[in-house]
Protein backbone atom coordinates (compact mmCIF):
# COMPACT_ATOMS: atom_id res chain seq x y z
CA MET A 1 0.13 -0.21 0.20
CA SER A 2 1.05 3.43 -1.07
CA VAL A 3 0.03 6.79 0.67
CA PRO A 4 0.85 9.38 -1.80
CA VAL A 5 1.31 12.25 0.72
CA ARG A 6 3.40 14.68 1.09
CA ILE A 7 4.24 15.48 5.02
CA SER A 8 6.10 18.76 6.68
CA ALA A 9 8.84 17.42 9.35
CA PRO A 10 11.38 19.20 10.94
CA SER A 11 14.48 20.01 8.95
CA VAL A 12 18.38 20.85 9.99
CA ALA A 13 19.72 23.36 9.20
CA ALA A 14 23.03 23.76 7.74
CA PRO A 15 26.68 24.58 9.41
CA SER A 16 27.79 27.35 9.03
CA ASP A 17 31.21 26.19 9.73
CA ARG A 18 31.00 23.41 7.25
CA PRO A 19 34.32 23.23 5.14
CA ALA A 20 33.59 23.85 1.63
CA ALA A 21 31.89 20.64 -0.66
CA PRO A 22 33.30 19.05 -3.41
CA ALA A 23 31.64 19.78 -6.96
CA GLY A 24 28.79 17.17 -7.40
CA PRO A 25 25.81 15.88 -6.97
CA ALA A 26 26.40 15.47 -3.50
CA ALA A 27 28.32 18.85 -2.63
CA PHE A 28 25.48 20.72 -0.74
CA GLY A 29 23.19 18.16 1.17
CA PRO A 30 23.19 16.55 4.25
CA THR A 31 25.41 14.65 5.70
CA PRO A 32 25.20 11.46 7.42
CA ALA A 33 25.27 12.78 10.92
CA GLU A 34 22.23 16.18 9.83
CA LEU A 35 20.38 13.11 8.20
CA LEU A 36 20.35 11.25 11.71
CA ASP A 37 19.82 14.06 13.49
CA PHE A 38 16.63 14.98 11.37
CA VAL A 39 15.32 11.31 11.71
CA ARG A 40 15.52 11.22 15.29
CA ARG A 41 14.42 14.27 15.77
CA THR A 42 11.03 13.09 13.89
CA VAL A 43 10.20 10.31 15.19
CA THR A 44 9.58 11.93 18.88
CA ASP A 45 7.02 14.10 16.86
CA GLY A 46 4.28 12.16 18.37
CA ALA A 47 0.90 13.39 15.65
CA LEU A 48 2.82 12.30 12.92
CA ILE A 49 4.01 9.17 13.73
CA ALA A 50 0.45 8.37 14.81
CA SER A 51 -0.93 9.49 11.61
CA LEU A 52 0.34 7.14 9.10
CA PRO A 53 -2.33 4.31 8.85
CA LEU A 54 -1.07 1.14 9.53
CA ASP A 55 -1.72 -2.21 7.72
CA PRO A 56 -1.22 -5.35 9.05
CA GLU A 57 -0.05 -7.33 6.05
CA GLY A 58 1.53 -4.83 3.60
CA ARG A 59 4.22 -2.00 4.98
CA THR A 60 2.84 1.47 5.11
CA TRP A 61 4.83 4.34 4.06
CA VAL A 62 4.12 8.62 3.66
CA ARG A 63 6.82 10.75 2.06
CA LEU A 64 8.14 12.96 4.03
CA ASP A 65 9.65 17.10 3.21
CA GLY A 66 13.44 15.81 4.55
CA PRO A 67 16.59 18.48 5.52
CA ALA A 68 17.81 20.96 2.49
CA GLY A 69 16.71 18.61 -0.69
CA SER A 70 17.25 15.26 0.64
CA GLU A 71 14.39 11.92 0.51
CA ALA A 72 12.46 11.85 4.02
CA TRP A 73 9.91 8.57 4.56
CA LEU A 74 7.74 7.39 7.21
CA ILE A 75 7.81 3.81 7.43
CA GLY A 76 5.05 1.22 8.74
CA TRP A 77 6.03 -1.96 9.61
CA PRO A 78 3.53 -5.24 10.66
CA PRO A 79 5.15 -8.02 12.39
CA GLY A 80 6.97 -9.72 10.56
CA THR A 81 7.57 -7.55 7.18
CA GLY A 82 10.81 -6.86 6.73
CA THR A 83 12.71 -5.33 3.46
CA GLY A 84 15.21 -7.57 1.95
CA TRP A 85 18.72 -7.21 1.18
CA HIS A 86 19.24 -3.89 -0.57
CA ASP A 87 21.41 -0.94 -0.82
CA HIS A 88 20.47 3.11 -2.25
CA GLY A 89 22.06 3.33 -5.17
CA GLY A 90 24.91 4.77 -3.79
CA SER A 91 23.12 7.38 -1.24
CA HIS A 92 23.90 7.69 2.10
CA GLY A 93 21.20 8.35 4.98
CA ALA A 94 19.84 7.40 8.23
CA PHE A 95 17.06 5.82 9.78
CA ALA A 96 15.32 5.71 13.56
CA THR A 97 12.65 3.59 14.77
CA ALA A 98 9.74 5.67 16.04
CA SER A 99 8.12 2.64 17.79
CA GLY A 100 8.65 -1.21 17.95
CA ALA A 101 11.49 -2.48 17.19
CA LEU A 102 13.52 -3.49 14.40
CA LYS A 103 16.32 -5.35 13.36
CA GLU A 104 19.44 -4.44 10.88
CA ASP A 105 21.36 -6.92 8.75
CA SER A 106 24.26 -5.22 7.11
CA LEU A 107 27.51 -5.91 5.96
CA ALA A 108 30.62 -4.59 6.71
CA ALA A 109 32.45 -4.36 2.51
CA ARG A 110 32.67 -2.49 0.26
CA LEU A 111 30.76 -4.18 -2.60
CA PRO A 112 31.62 -3.33 -6.40
CA THR A 113 28.24 -1.73 -7.77
CA GLU A 114 28.45 -3.45 -11.49
CA GLY A 115 29.52 -6.02 -13.83
CA TRP A 116 28.59 -8.59 -11.18
CA LYS A 117 25.55 -10.98 -9.83
CA THR A 118 26.44 -13.16 -7.87
CA LEU A 119 29.53 -12.64 -5.13
CA GLU A 120 30.78 -14.95 -2.44
CA LEU A 121 30.91 -12.98 1.11
CA ALA A 122 34.01 -13.15 2.95
CA GLU A 123 33.98 -14.22 6.71
CA GLY A 124 33.17 -11.39 9.51
CA VAL A 125 31.59 -9.36 7.19
CA ASP A 126 28.29 -9.19 9.16
CA ARG A 127 26.99 -7.03 11.38
CA GLU A 128 24.13 -7.11 12.58
CA ARG A 129 22.15 -4.39 15.27
CA ARG A 130 18.99 -4.17 17.20
CA LEU A 131 17.02 -0.87 16.96
CA THR A 132 13.91 -0.14 19.69
CA ALA A 133 11.95 3.48 19.74
CA GLY A 134 14.53 6.31 19.92
CA GLU A 135 17.06 4.64 17.86
CA GLY A 136 19.43 4.94 15.21
CA ARG A 137 21.37 4.88 13.10
CA ALA A 138 23.51 7.18 10.27
CA PHE A 139 25.11 5.30 6.86
CA GLY A 140 27.32 5.57 4.35
CA ARG A 141 26.40 5.56 0.43
CA HIS A 142 27.94 2.10 -0.12
CA HIS A 143 26.29 0.48 2.76
CA VAL A 144 24.27 -3.22 1.75
CA HIS A 145 21.01 -4.09 4.72
CA GLU A 146 18.03 -6.11 5.01
CA VAL A 147 16.01 -4.01 7.79
CA ARG A 148 13.10 -5.97 9.13
CA ASN A 149 10.27 -6.58 12.55
CA GLU A 150 10.85 -9.68 13.64
CA SER A 151 8.06 -9.10 16.31
CA GLY A 152 4.85 -11.66 16.75
CA SER A 153 2.60 -9.24 17.74
CA GLU A 154 3.68 -5.43 17.29
CA HIS A 155 4.24 -2.64 14.36
CA ALA A 156 6.97 -1.66 14.48
CA VAL A 157 7.53 2.41 12.95
CA SER A 158 10.22 3.82 11.41
CA VAL A 159 11.58 7.04 9.52
CA HIS A 160 14.19 6.85 7.18
CA ALA A 161 16.38 10.14 5.23
CA TYR A 162 18.54 9.40 1.99
CA TYR A 163 20.59 11.82 0.08
CA PRO A 164 21.24 12.38 -2.76
CA PRO A 165 17.42 11.29 -3.27
CA LEU A 166 17.08 7.96 -3.76
CA PRO A 167 18.37 7.20 -8.10
CA LEU A 168 17.33 3.42 -7.79
CA MET A 169 17.88 0.62 -5.12
CA ARG A 170 19.50 -3.03 -6.13
CA ARG A 171 18.18 -6.13 -4.28
CA TYR A 172 20.23 -8.70 -3.62
CA SER A 173 19.14 -12.15 -2.55
CA ARG A 174 21.49 -13.67 -0.17
CA THR A 175 21.71 -17.85 0.34
CA GLY A 176 25.13 -18.31 3.09
CA ALA A 177 28.16 -16.65 2.27
CA VAL A 178 26.68 -15.82 -1.55
CA LEU A 179 25.13 -12.77 -2.62
CA ARG A 180 23.12 -12.60 -5.60
CA LEU A 181 21.66 -9.51 -7.41
CA GLU A 182 18.99 -10.17 -8.23
CA GLN A 183 16.45 -6.51 -9.75
CA VAL A 184 17.55 -2.54 -10.42
CA GLU A 185 14.34 -1.34 -8.92
CA ARG A 186 13.70 3.06 -10.03
CA PRO A 187 12.14 5.63 -7.95
CA GLU A 188 8.74 5.61 -10.40
CA GLU A 189 8.37 1.74 -8.70
CA TRP A 190 7.96 3.14 -5.22
CA GLN A 191 6.61 6.21 -5.16
């Protein structure tokens, strides 16, 4: 279910003492730390969190106005739902849990972005964390992870922000140490 709504959320002011940014698409956007600050503040907005329609069977989402040209989403996670393995197409970002708990499995390895279909992962690259209400994390532009609500009975709600806005998402399947690129999604497929 997609809810085509835009909601204004708190913005992040750009620090005046930031060094000159390099030229390019991410030159003037928010840093991962600024996105983390944004999502942490946004999950404390009880009225916004309560406004998200929750579906007992599928994830729901509402697009938010993120800081400084970023893309942000408020997402509802029914019990037992998740994203599957994916990346963010070169965008960096952050997410925080507003209610319930989310588990994130991620890879502490930089994957090549092109020219492969199957990779065998080295030992020791798996990372795991559990994010309960109010907890969040930032990540860089090469982050590969899956996020899920492992609860058998409780919805989770979270806020996510990305910069630059997601140009694509690569979806992966994983069997043991083997990661396989399954598909590439473009924004028109999820907006």
